[in-house]
Amino acid sequence: MSARAIGVLATAAVAVAAIVLATSSGSGSPEDEDVPRGFYGTVSQTPLTAKDFARMGEGRVGTLRILLPWSTVDSTPASDDLDFSTVDPIVLAAAEHGIRILPFLYGTPEWAALELDGRDDCDGDCGPFAPASEAALAAWGEFAGAAVERYGPGGELWAQNPDHPAEPIHTWQIWNEQNSATFYKPEPSIAGYLSLLESAERAIHAEDPEAEIILGGMFGTPPDAGESADNAWAYLRGMYEAEGARDLFDGVASHPYAANMGKVESQVELLHDEIVRAEDSGAGLWVTELGWASSGPDHPLNRGPEGQAERLTEAFDLLLDHREDWNVESVIWYSWRDFTDPPLCDWCGGSGLFAEDALDPKPSWTAFTEFTGGS
């Protein structure tokens, strides 16, 4: 997902604040009864409406991965003005339809980057500049802890909405594609990411000792990678070599974008090999973004409507077949709906399971629901 896509996700969170919740009508059962509903999910690149959530419910979407933006929730240095109003409606709507939320915590506020980390300039976007100073990391940890207080077990949101079903968030993803200079500036740093991870882990577990911590999803070979160490598997190996690092997370996440299934398989397998090499048998493997487009400019990831559906089926079959031996916890499709104006990247505008302006299903939605048992 591009940096612009992250910004659109934040905008989507604002737009969803006016959602009127609807009742879920999903009644299908999964194709494989041993696979939990949360195994199959999606991430949106557009604002979500009540109709979107109702459709997700009908289709038995199990997980909705969302951006939980530090820069939006904590937009000023004041300690008492955290504002979760753009996120609350999404979490409530998902709970109404039995959908698990997987938030990824990301995006440094300008005040933290400039005042606490002392950066001269962020080139108009401070979000990818991960907190680095002791003060900035402390502020980041406070944000992570406040998110658990809000959405975790016994959280404020559930207490304030007793008439809504409660679906506390138990799993938290820390940052996004930290092995890429697009999302971790000024450049990828294993040591820097471990500091960020440790601050979040400490704060999250202080509020919920049973919470699950997932690494940010890593793209196999980022196009902006300057060194081989930025490859996902080499990056993960470097993390495991750091003393105490394995105690900071419960799951490893992959974003195995590729034109063909062989490269998808190799990206996930290489990460799994590093988990095995580190003898970290308890670590789950999450695919938190995976997708192809059905339309748009000529691109290796644009496969046309039928090709998109075929790739989805092949990828889901692959991950389902390896669910036990790779310890796959979830596979999340990018994305829910098309978004083409402006395009977010070369191919992702046409990556939706539905058209941009209407919930007209593509063949890929039919393929998706064949796995979930929805309609």
Protein backbone atom coordinates (compact mmCIF):
# COMPACT_ATOMS: atom_id res chain seq x y z
CA MET A 1 0.00 0.00 0.00
CA SER A 2 1.36 3.43 -0.92
CA ALA A 3 1.95 6.30 1.50
CA ARG A 4 -0.95 8.07 -0.20
CA ALA A 5 -3.11 5.04 0.52
CA ILE A 6 -2.33 5.44 4.23
CA GLY A 7 -3.56 9.01 4.02
CA VAL A 8 -6.76 7.94 2.32
CA LEU A 9 -7.36 5.35 5.03
CA ALA A 10 -7.16 8.14 7.59
CA THR A 11 -9.66 10.14 5.52
CA ALA A 12 -11.89 7.09 5.36
CA ALA A 13 -11.86 6.92 9.14
CA VAL A 14 -13.11 10.49 9.31
CA ALA A 15 -15.85 9.84 6.76
CA VAL A 16 -17.15 6.78 8.56
CA ALA A 17 -17.94 8.76 11.69
CA ALA A 18 -21.47 9.35 10.41
CA ILE A 19 -22.26 5.65 9.92
CA VAL A 20 -25.70 4.47 10.88
CA LEU A 21 -25.26 0.91 12.11
CA ALA A 22 -27.27 -1.85 10.46
CA THR A 23 -28.09 -5.36 11.61
CA SER A 24 -25.95 -8.16 10.23
CA SER A 25 -27.73 -10.61 7.97
CA GLY A 26 -24.84 -12.99 7.25
CA SER A 27 -25.93 -16.57 7.70
CA GLY A 28 -23.45 -18.65 5.74
CA SER A 29 -21.09 -21.16 7.25
CA PRO A 30 -17.42 -21.49 6.37
CA GLU A 31 -16.38 -23.96 3.72
CA ASP A 32 -14.08 -25.62 6.25
CA GLU A 33 -15.59 -25.70 9.73
CA ASP A 34 -12.11 -25.91 11.29
CA VAL A 35 -11.17 -22.50 9.89
CA PRO A 36 -12.30 -19.69 12.21
CA ARG A 37 -14.26 -16.86 10.64
CA GLY A 38 -11.50 -14.41 11.49
CA PHE A 39 -9.10 -16.21 9.15
CA TYR A 40 -10.44 -14.36 6.08
CA GLY A 41 -10.40 -10.58 6.03
CA THR A 42 -10.05 -7.40 4.03
CA VAL A 43 -8.69 -3.87 4.28
CA SER A 44 -10.43 -0.86 2.80
CA GLN A 45 -8.96 1.96 0.75
CA THR A 46 -12.24 3.93 0.72
CA PRO A 47 -14.63 5.39 3.30
CA LEU A 48 -16.99 2.74 4.68
CA THR A 49 -20.75 3.06 5.03
CA ALA A 50 -23.42 1.06 6.82
CA LYS A 51 -24.06 -0.75 3.52
CA ASP A 52 -20.42 -1.78 3.36
CA PHE A 53 -20.60 -3.30 6.83
CA ALA A 54 -23.88 -5.04 6.07
CA ARG A 55 -22.30 -6.53 2.93
CA MET A 56 -19.29 -7.64 4.95
CA GLY A 57 -21.63 -9.32 7.39
CA GLU A 58 -23.49 -11.12 4.61
CA GLY A 59 -20.20 -12.26 3.15
CA ARG A 60 -18.91 -13.43 6.52
CA VAL A 61 -15.83 -11.24 6.37
CA GLY A 62 -14.04 -12.23 9.55
CA THR A 63 -11.39 -9.53 9.96
CA LEU A 64 -11.26 -5.87 8.96
CA ARG A 65 -7.74 -4.45 9.11
CA ILE A 66 -7.78 -0.71 9.78
CA LEU A 67 -5.35 2.10 10.29
CA LEU A 68 -5.30 3.41 13.85
CA PRO A 69 -3.52 6.71 13.16
CA TRP A 70 -1.40 8.20 15.93
CA SER A 71 -1.24 11.48 13.99
CA THR A 72 -5.04 11.84 13.95
CA VAL A 73 -5.84 10.57 17.44
CA ASP A 74 -3.04 12.55 19.08
CA SER A 75 -2.75 15.65 16.91
CA THR A 76 -1.37 18.00 19.60
CA PRO A 77 1.25 17.64 22.35
CA ALA A 78 -1.38 18.07 25.08
CA SER A 79 -1.70 14.97 27.24
CA ASP A 80 -5.46 15.09 27.75
CA ASP A 81 -6.91 15.58 24.27
CA LEU A 82 -6.72 12.17 22.58
CA ASP A 83 -9.55 11.97 20.05
CA PHE A 84 -10.74 8.52 18.94
CA SER A 85 -13.93 9.84 17.33
CA THR A 86 -12.82 8.90 13.81
CA VAL A 87 -12.12 5.30 14.82
CA ASP A 88 -14.99 4.56 17.23
CA PRO A 89 -17.71 4.20 14.54
CA ILE A 90 -15.62 1.70 12.58
CA VAL A 91 -15.01 -0.47 15.63
CA LEU A 92 -18.68 -0.33 16.66
CA ALA A 93 -19.95 -1.11 13.17
CA ALA A 94 -17.59 -4.07 12.84
CA ALA A 95 -18.71 -5.41 16.23
CA GLU A 96 -22.34 -5.10 15.15
CA HIS A 97 -21.59 -7.53 12.34
CA GLY A 98 -19.32 -9.91 14.22
CA ILE A 99 -16.19 -8.71 12.43
CA ARG A 100 -12.85 -8.73 14.22
CA ILE A 101 -10.84 -5.52 13.97
CA LEU A 102 -7.10 -5.78 13.37
CA PRO A 103 -5.66 -2.28 13.84
CA PHE A 104 -2.20 -1.29 12.70
CA LEU A 105 -0.77 1.53 14.78
CA TYR A 106 1.08 3.94 12.52
CA GLY A 107 1.76 7.57 11.68
CA THR A 108 3.82 10.05 13.69
CA PRO A 109 2.16 13.42 14.43
CA GLU A 110 4.00 16.48 13.23
CA TRP A 111 4.53 17.77 16.77
CA ALA A 112 6.25 14.54 17.83
CA ALA A 113 8.50 14.43 14.77
CA LEU A 114 9.52 18.10 14.91
CA GLU A 115 9.45 18.92 18.64
CA LEU A 116 10.38 15.60 20.28
CA ASP A 117 12.59 14.04 17.60
CA GLY A 118 13.97 17.41 16.53
CA ARG A 119 13.53 16.91 12.79
CA ASP A 120 13.93 20.03 10.68
CA ASP A 121 11.34 19.02 8.12
CA CYS A 122 9.17 16.04 7.15
CA ASP A 123 8.69 16.98 3.50
CA GLY A 124 5.01 17.63 4.17
CA ASP A 125 4.30 14.22 5.74
CA CYS A 126 5.68 13.31 9.15
CA GLY A 127 3.72 10.06 9.37
CA PRO A 128 6.42 7.67 8.08
CA PHE A 129 9.10 9.21 10.32
CA ALA A 130 9.01 6.67 13.13
CA PRO A 131 9.53 7.99 16.67
CA ALA A 132 13.17 7.71 17.69
CA SER A 133 13.99 9.87 20.71
CA GLU A 134 13.20 8.78 24.25
CA ALA A 135 10.51 11.45 24.50
CA ALA A 136 8.90 10.53 21.17
CA LEU A 137 8.93 6.83 22.02
CA ALA A 138 7.31 7.59 25.36
CA ALA A 139 4.54 9.54 23.62
CA TRP A 140 4.08 6.67 21.14
CA GLY A 141 3.75 4.23 24.04
CA GLU A 142 1.14 6.43 25.71
CA PHE A 143 -0.88 6.40 22.49
CA ALA A 144 -0.66 2.59 22.24
CA GLY A 145 -1.74 2.17 25.84
CA ALA A 146 -4.64 4.57 25.38
CA ALA A 147 -5.83 2.58 22.35
CA VAL A 148 -6.04 -0.56 24.49
CA GLU A 149 -7.85 1.36 27.22
CA ARG A 150 -10.36 2.41 24.58
CA TYR A 151 -10.87 -0.79 22.59
CA GLY A 152 -9.43 -3.67 24.60
CA PRO A 153 -11.22 -5.91 27.12
CA GLY A 154 -13.29 -3.74 29.45
CA GLY A 155 -12.47 -0.74 27.26
CA GLU A 156 -14.07 2.67 27.47
CA LEU A 157 -15.87 2.28 24.13
CA TRP A 158 -17.75 -0.80 25.29
CA ALA A 159 -18.66 0.80 28.62
CA GLN A 160 -20.00 3.87 26.79
CA ASN A 161 -22.06 1.76 24.36
CA PRO A 162 -23.68 -0.96 26.50
CA ASP A 163 -26.43 -1.59 23.93
CA HIS A 164 -23.94 -2.63 21.25
CA PRO A 165 -22.25 -6.02 21.12
CA ALA A 166 -18.72 -5.85 22.46
CA GLU A 167 -15.87 -7.20 20.34
CA PRO A 168 -12.76 -6.16 22.29
CA ILE A 169 -9.57 -5.89 20.30
CA HIS A 170 -7.00 -8.44 21.42
CA THR A 171 -4.48 -8.24 18.55
CA TRP A 172 -2.43 -5.17 17.69
CA GLN A 173 -0.18 -4.69 14.68
CA ILE A 174 2.76 -2.35 15.15
CA TRP A 175 3.59 -0.06 12.20
CA ASN A 176 3.43 -0.94 8.49
CA GLU A 177 6.12 -2.23 6.11
CA GLN A 178 8.92 -1.13 8.42
CA ASN A 179 11.48 -2.72 6.08
CA SER A 180 10.58 -0.15 3.42
CA ALA A 181 11.87 3.42 3.22
CA THR A 182 8.40 4.44 2.03
CA PHE A 183 6.87 3.67 5.42
CA TYR A 184 9.84 3.86 7.79
CA LYS A 185 11.80 7.07 7.39
CA PRO A 186 14.40 8.37 7.18
CA GLU A 187 15.51 4.79 6.38
CA PRO A 188 14.69 1.28 7.61
CA SER A 189 16.35 0.42 10.89
CA ILE A 190 16.00 -2.84 12.78
CA ALA A 191 17.28 -1.24 15.99
CA GLY A 192 14.92 1.70 15.56
CA TYR A 193 11.94 -0.52 14.90
CA LEU A 194 12.74 -2.66 17.92
CA SER A 195 12.67 0.45 20.11
CA LEU A 196 9.31 1.42 18.65
CA LEU A 197 8.03 -2.15 19.11
CA GLU A 198 9.26 -2.39 22.69
CA SER A 199 7.57 0.87 23.69
CA ALA A 200 4.25 -0.25 22.20
CA GLU A 201 4.50 -3.78 23.61
CA ARG A 202 5.16 -2.53 27.14
CA ALA A 203 2.22 -0.11 27.03
CA ILE A 204 -0.20 -2.60 25.46
CA HIS A 205 0.59 -5.40 27.89
CA ALA A 206 0.32 -3.02 30.83
CA GLU A 207 -3.35 -2.62 29.89
CA ASP A 208 -4.02 -6.14 28.58
CA PRO A 209 -1.45 -8.80 29.59
CA GLU A 210 -3.07 -11.30 27.21
CA ALA A 211 -2.91 -9.03 24.15
CA GLU A 212 -1.28 -10.36 20.99
CA ILE A 213 1.40 -8.24 19.28
CA ILE A 214 1.96 -8.60 15.54
CA LEU A 215 4.87 -7.14 13.59
CA GLY A 216 4.06 -4.67 10.86
CA GLY A 217 3.45 -6.40 7.54
CA MET A 218 6.65 -6.69 5.52
CA PHE A 219 6.84 -6.58 1.74
CA GLY A 220 9.30 -9.19 0.49
CA THR A 221 11.56 -6.97 -1.61
CA PRO A 222 10.61 -3.30 -1.31
CA PRO A 223 11.36 -1.42 -4.55
CA ASP A 224 13.11 1.26 -2.49
CA ALA A 225 15.32 -1.21 -0.61
CA GLY A 226 18.88 0.02 -0.65
CA GLU A 227 20.38 -3.09 0.96
CA SER A 228 19.53 -6.78 1.01
CA ALA A 229 18.90 -6.48 4.75
CA ASP A 230 15.70 -4.64 3.85
CA ASN A 231 14.28 -7.85 2.34
CA ALA A 232 11.60 -9.14 4.68
CA TRP A 233 13.32 -12.41 5.57
CA ALA A 234 16.73 -10.83 6.14
CA TYR A 235 15.10 -8.08 8.18
CA LEU A 236 13.31 -10.68 10.32
CA ARG A 237 16.54 -12.59 10.82
CA GLY A 238 18.19 -9.41 12.01
CA MET A 239 15.38 -8.89 14.49
CA TYR A 240 15.74 -12.40 15.87
CA GLU A 241 19.47 -11.83 16.32
CA ALA A 242 18.77 -8.93 18.67
CA GLU A 243 18.71 -9.99 22.31
CA GLY A 244 15.22 -10.17 23.75
CA ALA A 245 13.48 -9.26 20.48
CA ARG A 246 11.46 -12.47 20.24
CA ASP A 247 9.79 -11.62 23.54
CA LEU A 248 8.27 -8.49 22.02
CA PHE A 249 5.93 -10.10 19.49
CA ASP A 250 3.64 -13.07 18.95
CA GLY A 251 3.23 -12.98 15.18
CA VAL A 252 5.06 -12.11 11.98
CA ALA A 253 3.18 -10.41 9.12
CA SER A 254 3.76 -10.64 5.38
CA HIS A 255 2.62 -8.51 2.43
CA PRO A 256 3.55 -10.95 -0.34
CA TYR A 257 2.56 -8.95 -3.41
CA ALA A 258 3.69 -10.66 -6.61
CA ALA A 259 2.51 -11.24 -10.16
CA ASN A 260 2.62 -15.02 -9.88
CA MET A 261 1.86 -17.55 -7.17
CA GLY A 262 5.37 -18.92 -7.05
CA LYS A 263 6.67 -15.59 -5.80
CA VAL A 264 3.80 -15.24 -3.33
CA GLU A 265 4.62 -18.66 -1.94
CA SER A 266 8.36 -17.99 -1.73
CA GLN A 267 7.89 -14.70 0.16
CA VAL A 268 5.71 -16.30 2.82
CA GLU A 269 7.84 -19.43 3.01
CA LEU A 270 11.07 -17.48 3.43
CA LEU A 271 9.58 -15.65 6.41
CA HIS A 272 8.40 -18.95 7.85
CA ASP A 273 11.92 -20.35 7.37
CA GLU A 274 13.29 -17.54 9.54
CA ILE A 275 10.75 -18.31 12.26
CA VAL A 276 11.86 -21.95 12.15
CA ARG A 277 15.54 -20.97 12.10
CA ALA A 278 14.97 -18.90 15.25
CA GLU A 279 13.12 -21.83 16.88
CA ASP A 280 10.21 -19.51 17.57
CA SER A 281 7.53 -22.16 17.21
CA GLY A 282 4.88 -20.06 18.95
CA ALA A 283 4.98 -17.24 16.39
CA GLY A 284 2.00 -17.11 14.06
CA LEU A 285 2.29 -15.97 10.46
CA TRP A 286 -0.21 -13.35 9.29
CA VAL A 287 -0.77 -12.24 5.71
CA THR A 288 -2.11 -8.76 6.42
CA GLU A 289 -2.16 -7.55 2.79
CA LEU A 290 -2.46 -9.53 -0.43
CA GLY A 291 -4.16 -8.60 -3.68
CA TRP A 292 -4.36 -8.08 -7.42
CA ALA A 293 -6.28 -5.60 -9.57
CA SER A 294 -9.08 -6.30 -12.02
CA SER A 295 -8.70 -3.06 -13.97
CA GLY A 296 -6.47 -0.06 -14.46
CA PRO A 297 -3.20 0.55 -16.28
CA ASP A 298 -1.07 -2.23 -17.66
CA HIS A 299 0.75 -3.74 -14.68
CA PRO A 300 1.89 -7.22 -13.59
CA LEU A 301 -0.62 -7.09 -10.72
CA ASN A 302 -3.55 -6.16 -13.01
CA ARG A 303 -5.05 -9.50 -14.01
CA GLY A 304 -8.51 -8.46 -15.27
CA PRO A 305 -11.79 -9.42 -13.52
CA GLU A 306 -11.56 -13.18 -14.01
CA GLY A 307 -7.81 -13.22 -13.44
CA GLN A 308 -8.21 -11.33 -10.16
CA ALA A 309 -10.71 -13.96 -8.96
CA GLU A 310 -8.40 -16.77 -10.05
CA ARG A 311 -5.46 -15.26 -8.19
CA LEU A 312 -7.56 -14.85 -5.05
CA THR A 313 -8.62 -18.50 -5.20
CA GLU A 314 -5.07 -19.69 -5.81
CA ALA A 315 -3.64 -17.56 -3.00
CA PHE A 316 -6.30 -18.53 -0.47
CA ASP A 317 -5.94 -22.19 -1.42
CA LEU A 318 -2.18 -21.94 -0.95
CA LEU A 319 -2.45 -20.36 2.49
CA LEU A 320 -5.22 -22.70 3.54
CA ASP A 321 -3.17 -25.72 2.44
CA HIS A 322 -0.22 -24.47 4.50
CA ARG A 323 -2.29 -23.18 7.39
CA GLU A 324 -0.93 -25.73 9.85
CA ASP A 325 2.67 -26.18 8.72
CA TRP A 326 3.24 -22.41 8.33
CA ASN A 327 1.02 -21.55 11.32
CA VAL A 328 -0.99 -19.09 9.20
CA GLU A 329 -3.34 -17.04 11.38
CA SER A 330 -5.11 -14.87 8.81
CA VAL A 331 -5.17 -13.76 5.17
CA ILE A 332 -6.41 -10.25 4.44
CA TRP A 333 -7.36 -9.12 0.95
CA TYR A 334 -6.33 -5.72 -0.35
CA SER A 335 -8.83 -4.22 -0.93
CA TRP A 336 -12.55 -3.98 -0.20
CA ARG A 337 -13.58 -1.48 -2.91
CA ASP A 338 -11.89 0.08 -5.91
CA PHE A 339 -10.56 3.60 -5.56
CA THR A 340 -9.38 5.16 -8.80
CA ASP A 341 -9.50 8.95 -8.46
CA PRO A 342 -6.79 9.73 -7.66
CA PRO A 343 -5.06 6.37 -8.05
CA LEU A 344 -3.21 5.32 -4.91
CA CYS A 345 -0.54 3.35 -6.73
CA ASP A 346 0.07 1.91 -10.17
CA TRP A 347 -2.34 -0.99 -9.71
CA CYS A 348 -4.21 -0.80 -6.40
CA GLY A 349 -7.04 1.43 -7.62
CA GLY A 350 -8.69 -1.62 -9.17
CA SER A 351 -7.89 -4.04 -6.35
CA GLY A 352 -11.35 -4.05 -4.74
CA LEU A 353 -13.77 -6.92 -4.41
CA PHE A 354 -16.41 -4.36 -5.42
CA ALA A 355 -16.66 -1.39 -7.74
CA GLU A 356 -15.85 2.04 -6.38
CA ASP A 357 -19.26 3.72 -6.54
CA ALA A 358 -21.62 0.81 -5.89
CA LEU A 359 -21.53 -2.52 -4.16
CA ASP A 360 -21.57 -4.38 -7.45
CA PRO A 361 -19.65 -7.59 -6.78
CA LYS A 362 -16.80 -8.64 -9.00
CA PRO A 363 -15.97 -12.28 -9.69
CA SER A 364 -13.39 -11.94 -6.93
CA TRP A 365 -16.18 -11.40 -4.34
CA THR A 366 -17.80 -14.66 -5.42
CA ALA A 367 -14.41 -16.33 -5.05
CA PHE A 368 -13.95 -14.75 -1.60
CA THR A 369 -17.34 -15.95 -0.32
CA GLU A 370 -16.69 -19.47 -1.55
CA PHE A 371 -14.08 -19.60 1.20
CA THR A 372 -16.05 -17.78 3.89
CA GLY A 373 -19.42 -19.45 3.26
CA GLY A 374 -21.09 -16.05 2.93
CA SER A 375 -23.16 -14.55 0.16
